[in-house]
Amino acid sequence: MFKNIVTDVFFDLDHTLWDFEKNSALTFEKILVTHDVPVSLEDFLEVYVPNNLVFWRLFREEKISKTALRYQRLKTTFDTLGLEVSDAVINSLSDAYIANLATYNHLFPNAIAILDYLKPKYNLHIITNGFQEVQNKKIRNSNIAPYFHQVINSEMAGVKKPNPIIFNLALEMANVPAEKALMIGDSLEADILGAQAAGLNALHFNAHNEQKHEYCDMITDLSEIKLYL
């Protein structure tokens, strides 16, 4: 569909190439034990995962700060679970989470295979809302850095997806017009609608079992990108 149109492909990182939930779970499996938090990993993640999505949405909408995001997603989880965890422990856990997260580097199935397939044919880039220091470590430690020409993050742009400014910056850095660019990501709001508002083509990687929509095509496995490029 995009073979004769697109020259540059922009990927989201978390939940698209980098298996955030798996790597995050492994991180918490380690740090909850080292901080003596009396909760099972399963019970913790059941509450934390949806909480994290809520606070990331608030962060994306500029309604909370990075510091508040890191603290509140843990504080509200422990409160919901009925656990009394001091602010000192919460802050230590928050720091340990950031320090350890990028040491786990599981990618989604077929991520490397599709990057190998695309690299000879297209210019590849990343647009991510994640924190610069963490995202750079993820990309480097998972050995995918050589595939990408440009990596654009929200701290660099001063705004987060879906703000068109970050997409316009990405297009400028990649030196490509919007109509020749394709955005592939998991978030309908941030990646798909944001990209389309900036004039990019879009392909939705359905990592969260969402309902089908009419905004663009959806795929459930990265290998399906071959059907479009």
Protein backbone atom coordinates (compact mmCIF):
# COMPACT_ATOMS: atom_id res chain seq x y z
CA MET A 1 0.00 0.00 0.00
CA PHE A 2 2.83 2.40 0.84
CA LYS A 3 5.61 0.85 -1.26
CA ASN A 4 5.61 3.49 -3.99
CA ILE A 5 4.82 6.37 -1.65
CA VAL A 6 6.90 6.12 1.51
CA THR A 7 10.65 6.71 1.79
CA ASP A 8 10.90 7.10 5.57
CA VAL A 9 9.37 4.99 8.33
CA PHE A 10 8.97 6.33 11.87
CA PHE A 11 8.47 3.86 14.70
CA ASP A 12 7.23 4.39 18.20
CA LEU A 13 9.50 2.58 20.70
CA ASP A 14 7.60 1.37 23.77
CA HIS A 15 4.78 -1.11 23.08
CA THR A 16 5.76 -1.17 19.39
CA LEU A 17 9.34 -2.41 19.06
CA TRP A 18 10.45 -2.62 22.69
CA ASP A 19 8.25 -4.92 24.79
CA PHE A 20 7.56 -2.46 27.58
CA GLU A 21 5.20 -4.57 29.66
CA LYS A 22 7.49 -7.59 29.72
CA ASN A 23 10.60 -5.59 30.53
CA SER A 24 8.74 -3.53 33.11
CA ALA A 25 7.46 -6.66 34.84
CA LEU A 26 10.95 -8.10 35.04
CA THR A 27 12.18 -4.84 36.54
CA PHE A 28 9.51 -4.82 39.23
CA GLU A 29 10.11 -8.51 39.94
CA LYS A 30 13.61 -7.50 40.97
CA ILE A 31 13.13 -4.18 42.74
CA LEU A 32 10.04 -5.06 44.79
CA VAL A 33 12.10 -7.81 46.40
CA THR A 34 15.19 -5.67 46.97
CA HIS A 35 13.01 -3.00 48.61
CA ASP A 36 11.13 -5.55 50.78
CA VAL A 37 7.69 -4.54 49.54
CA PRO A 38 5.27 -7.25 50.76
CA VAL A 39 3.24 -7.81 47.59
CA SER A 40 3.19 -10.45 44.88
CA LEU A 41 4.27 -9.36 41.42
CA GLU A 42 0.94 -10.48 39.97
CA ASP A 43 -1.13 -8.44 42.42
CA PHE A 44 1.11 -5.41 41.98
CA LEU A 45 1.02 -5.44 38.18
CA GLU A 46 -2.74 -5.93 38.08
CA VAL A 47 -3.13 -2.50 39.66
CA TYR A 48 0.03 -0.78 38.43
CA VAL A 49 -0.29 -1.42 34.69
CA PRO A 50 -3.62 0.42 34.20
CA ASN A 51 -2.51 3.12 36.68
CA ASN A 52 0.65 3.70 34.67
CA LEU A 53 -1.35 4.15 31.47
CA VAL A 54 -3.59 6.72 33.18
CA PHE A 55 -0.67 8.75 34.49
CA TRP A 56 1.18 8.56 31.17
CA ARG A 57 -1.92 9.97 29.51
CA LEU A 58 -1.94 12.86 32.00
CA PHE A 59 1.76 13.39 31.38
CA ARG A 60 1.20 13.37 27.61
CA GLU A 61 -1.53 15.97 28.06
CA GLU A 62 0.86 18.19 30.07
CA LYS A 63 -1.31 17.84 33.18
CA ILE A 64 1.40 16.39 35.44
CA SER A 65 5.18 16.62 35.59
CA LYS A 66 7.72 13.85 35.05
CA THR A 67 8.39 13.79 38.79
CA ALA A 68 4.69 13.49 39.58
CA LEU A 69 4.28 10.70 37.04
CA ARG A 70 7.08 8.65 38.56
CA TYR A 71 5.77 9.11 42.10
CA GLN A 72 2.01 8.96 41.64
CA ARG A 73 1.88 5.79 39.56
CA LEU A 74 3.51 3.95 42.47
CA LYS A 75 1.75 5.82 45.29
CA THR A 76 -1.73 5.20 43.90
CA THR A 77 -0.91 1.54 43.26
CA PHE A 78 0.20 0.95 46.84
CA ASP A 79 -2.80 2.88 48.18
CA THR A 80 -5.17 0.75 46.10
CA LEU A 81 -3.49 -2.40 47.38
CA GLY A 82 -3.80 -1.17 50.95
CA LEU A 83 -0.05 -1.10 51.50
CA GLU A 84 1.63 1.50 53.65
CA VAL A 85 4.81 2.38 51.78
CA SER A 86 6.77 5.46 52.81
CA ASP A 87 7.60 8.26 50.40
CA ALA A 88 11.28 7.44 50.88
CA VAL A 89 10.72 3.88 49.67
CA ILE A 90 8.51 5.06 46.81
CA ASN A 91 11.15 7.51 45.64
CA SER A 92 13.84 4.85 45.95
CA LEU A 93 11.70 2.41 43.97
CA SER A 94 11.13 5.06 41.32
CA ASP A 95 14.86 5.65 40.94
CA ALA A 96 15.59 1.91 40.92
CA TYR A 97 12.94 1.35 38.26
CA ILE A 98 14.52 3.88 35.92
CA ALA A 99 18.01 2.56 36.64
CA ASN A 100 17.07 -1.07 35.97
CA LEU A 101 14.41 -0.87 33.25
CA ALA A 102 16.77 -0.63 30.29
CA THR A 103 18.80 -3.62 31.50
CA TYR A 104 15.97 -5.83 30.21
CA ASN A 105 15.74 -5.71 26.46
CA HIS A 106 13.02 -7.97 25.16
CA LEU A 107 11.66 -6.82 21.81
CA PHE A 108 8.34 -7.77 20.27
CA PRO A 109 8.35 -10.90 18.10
CA ASN A 110 9.74 -10.27 14.61
CA ALA A 111 11.07 -6.81 15.52
CA ILE A 112 14.62 -7.52 14.34
CA ALA A 113 13.38 -9.42 11.29
CA ILE A 114 11.23 -6.53 10.13
CA LEU A 115 13.99 -3.98 10.77
CA ASP A 116 16.36 -6.13 8.70
CA TYR A 117 13.74 -6.23 5.95
CA LEU A 118 13.09 -2.47 5.99
CA LYS A 119 16.56 -1.04 6.46
CA PRO A 120 17.85 -1.59 2.89
CA LYS A 121 14.71 -0.02 1.43
CA TYR A 122 13.73 2.84 3.74
CA ASN A 123 15.16 5.43 6.09
CA LEU A 124 14.14 4.36 9.60
CA HIS A 125 13.57 6.66 12.59
CA ILE A 126 12.02 6.65 16.06
CA ILE A 127 9.60 9.13 17.64
CA THR A 128 9.06 8.49 21.35
CA ASN A 129 7.42 10.21 24.29
CA GLY A 130 9.71 8.44 26.72
CA PHE A 131 12.44 10.09 28.78
CA GLN A 132 15.59 10.71 26.78
CA GLU A 133 18.10 9.03 29.10
CA VAL A 134 15.97 5.91 29.45
CA GLN A 135 14.98 5.63 25.79
CA ASN A 136 18.56 5.97 24.59
CA LYS A 137 19.61 3.14 26.90
CA LYS A 138 16.75 0.94 25.66
CA ILE A 139 17.72 1.51 22.04
CA ARG A 140 21.42 0.96 22.67
CA ASN A 141 21.12 -2.05 24.98
CA SER A 142 18.64 -3.86 22.75
CA ASN A 143 21.07 -3.49 19.83
CA ILE A 144 18.66 -1.67 17.51
CA ALA A 145 20.48 1.68 17.38
CA PRO A 146 22.23 0.91 14.04
CA TYR A 147 18.88 0.62 12.27
CA PHE A 148 17.83 4.23 12.87
CA HIS A 149 18.91 7.51 11.33
CA GLN A 150 17.08 9.84 13.71
CA VAL A 151 15.67 9.34 17.20
CA ILE A 152 13.31 12.11 18.27
CA ASN A 153 12.04 12.22 21.84
CA SER A 154 9.58 14.49 23.60
CA GLU A 155 12.21 16.12 25.78
CA MET A 156 14.08 17.16 22.64
CA ALA A 157 10.92 18.52 21.02
CA GLY A 158 9.56 20.20 24.13
CA VAL A 159 6.16 18.58 23.50
CA LYS A 160 4.76 15.06 23.39
CA LYS A 161 2.87 13.10 20.78
CA PRO A 162 0.19 13.77 19.57
CA ASN A 163 1.33 17.40 19.41
CA PRO A 164 2.15 18.12 15.74
CA ILE A 165 5.33 19.94 16.76
CA ILE A 166 7.14 16.69 17.55
CA PHE A 167 6.12 15.18 14.21
CA ASN A 168 7.15 18.32 12.33
CA LEU A 169 10.52 18.24 14.10
CA ALA A 170 10.93 14.59 13.13
CA LEU A 171 10.15 15.36 9.49
CA GLU A 172 12.61 18.24 9.54
CA MET A 173 15.38 16.14 11.09
CA ALA A 174 14.75 13.33 8.62
CA ASN A 175 14.48 15.81 5.73
CA VAL A 176 11.35 14.17 4.35
CA PRO A 177 7.93 15.59 3.43
CA ALA A 178 5.00 14.30 5.47
CA GLU A 179 3.34 12.56 2.53
CA LYS A 180 6.41 10.32 2.10
CA ALA A 181 6.54 9.35 5.76
CA LEU A 182 4.81 6.51 7.61
CA MET A 183 4.28 6.36 11.39
CA ILE A 184 3.91 2.95 13.02
CA GLY A 185 2.84 2.88 16.66
CA ASP A 186 0.57 1.33 19.27
CA SER A 187 -1.31 4.41 20.50
CA LEU A 188 -4.31 5.51 18.47
CA GLU A 189 -4.30 8.95 20.07
CA ALA A 190 -0.57 9.67 20.26
CA ASP A 191 0.85 7.83 17.26
CA ILE A 192 -1.93 7.46 14.72
CA LEU A 193 -4.10 10.55 15.14
CA GLY A 194 -1.06 12.65 15.98
CA ALA A 195 0.78 11.54 12.85
CA GLN A 196 -2.23 11.98 10.60
CA ALA A 197 -2.84 15.48 11.95
CA ALA A 198 0.71 16.34 10.86
CA GLY A 199 0.13 14.86 7.41
CA LEU A 200 1.96 11.54 7.82
CA ASN A 201 0.63 8.17 6.75
CA ALA A 202 -0.06 5.81 9.65
CA LEU A 203 -0.24 2.11 10.50
CA HIS A 204 -1.60 1.02 13.87
CA PHE A 205 0.26 -1.79 15.69
CA ASN A 206 -2.49 -3.20 17.87
CA ALA A 207 -0.51 -4.17 20.95
CA HIS A 208 -3.45 -3.75 23.35
CA ASN A 209 -6.23 -5.75 21.65
CA GLU A 210 -8.18 -2.62 20.78
CA GLN A 211 -11.29 -2.55 18.64
CA LYS A 212 -10.90 -1.97 14.92
CA HIS A 213 -11.35 1.57 13.69
CA GLU A 214 -11.51 3.46 10.42
CA TYR A 215 -8.56 5.81 10.88
CA CYS A 216 -6.01 3.47 9.29
CA ASP A 217 -5.15 -0.20 8.91
CA MET A 218 -4.24 -2.24 11.98
CA ILE A 219 -1.71 -5.05 12.37
CA THR A 220 -1.19 -7.46 15.26
CA ASP A 221 2.29 -8.73 14.36
CA LEU A 222 5.23 -6.66 13.14
CA SER A 223 5.81 -9.13 10.30
CA GLU A 224 2.58 -7.83 8.73
CA ILE A 225 4.43 -4.60 7.87
CA LYS A 226 5.71 -6.49 4.83
CA LEU A 227 2.19 -6.35 3.42
CA TYR A 228 2.44 -2.57 3.29
CA LEU A 229 6.12 -1.85 2.55
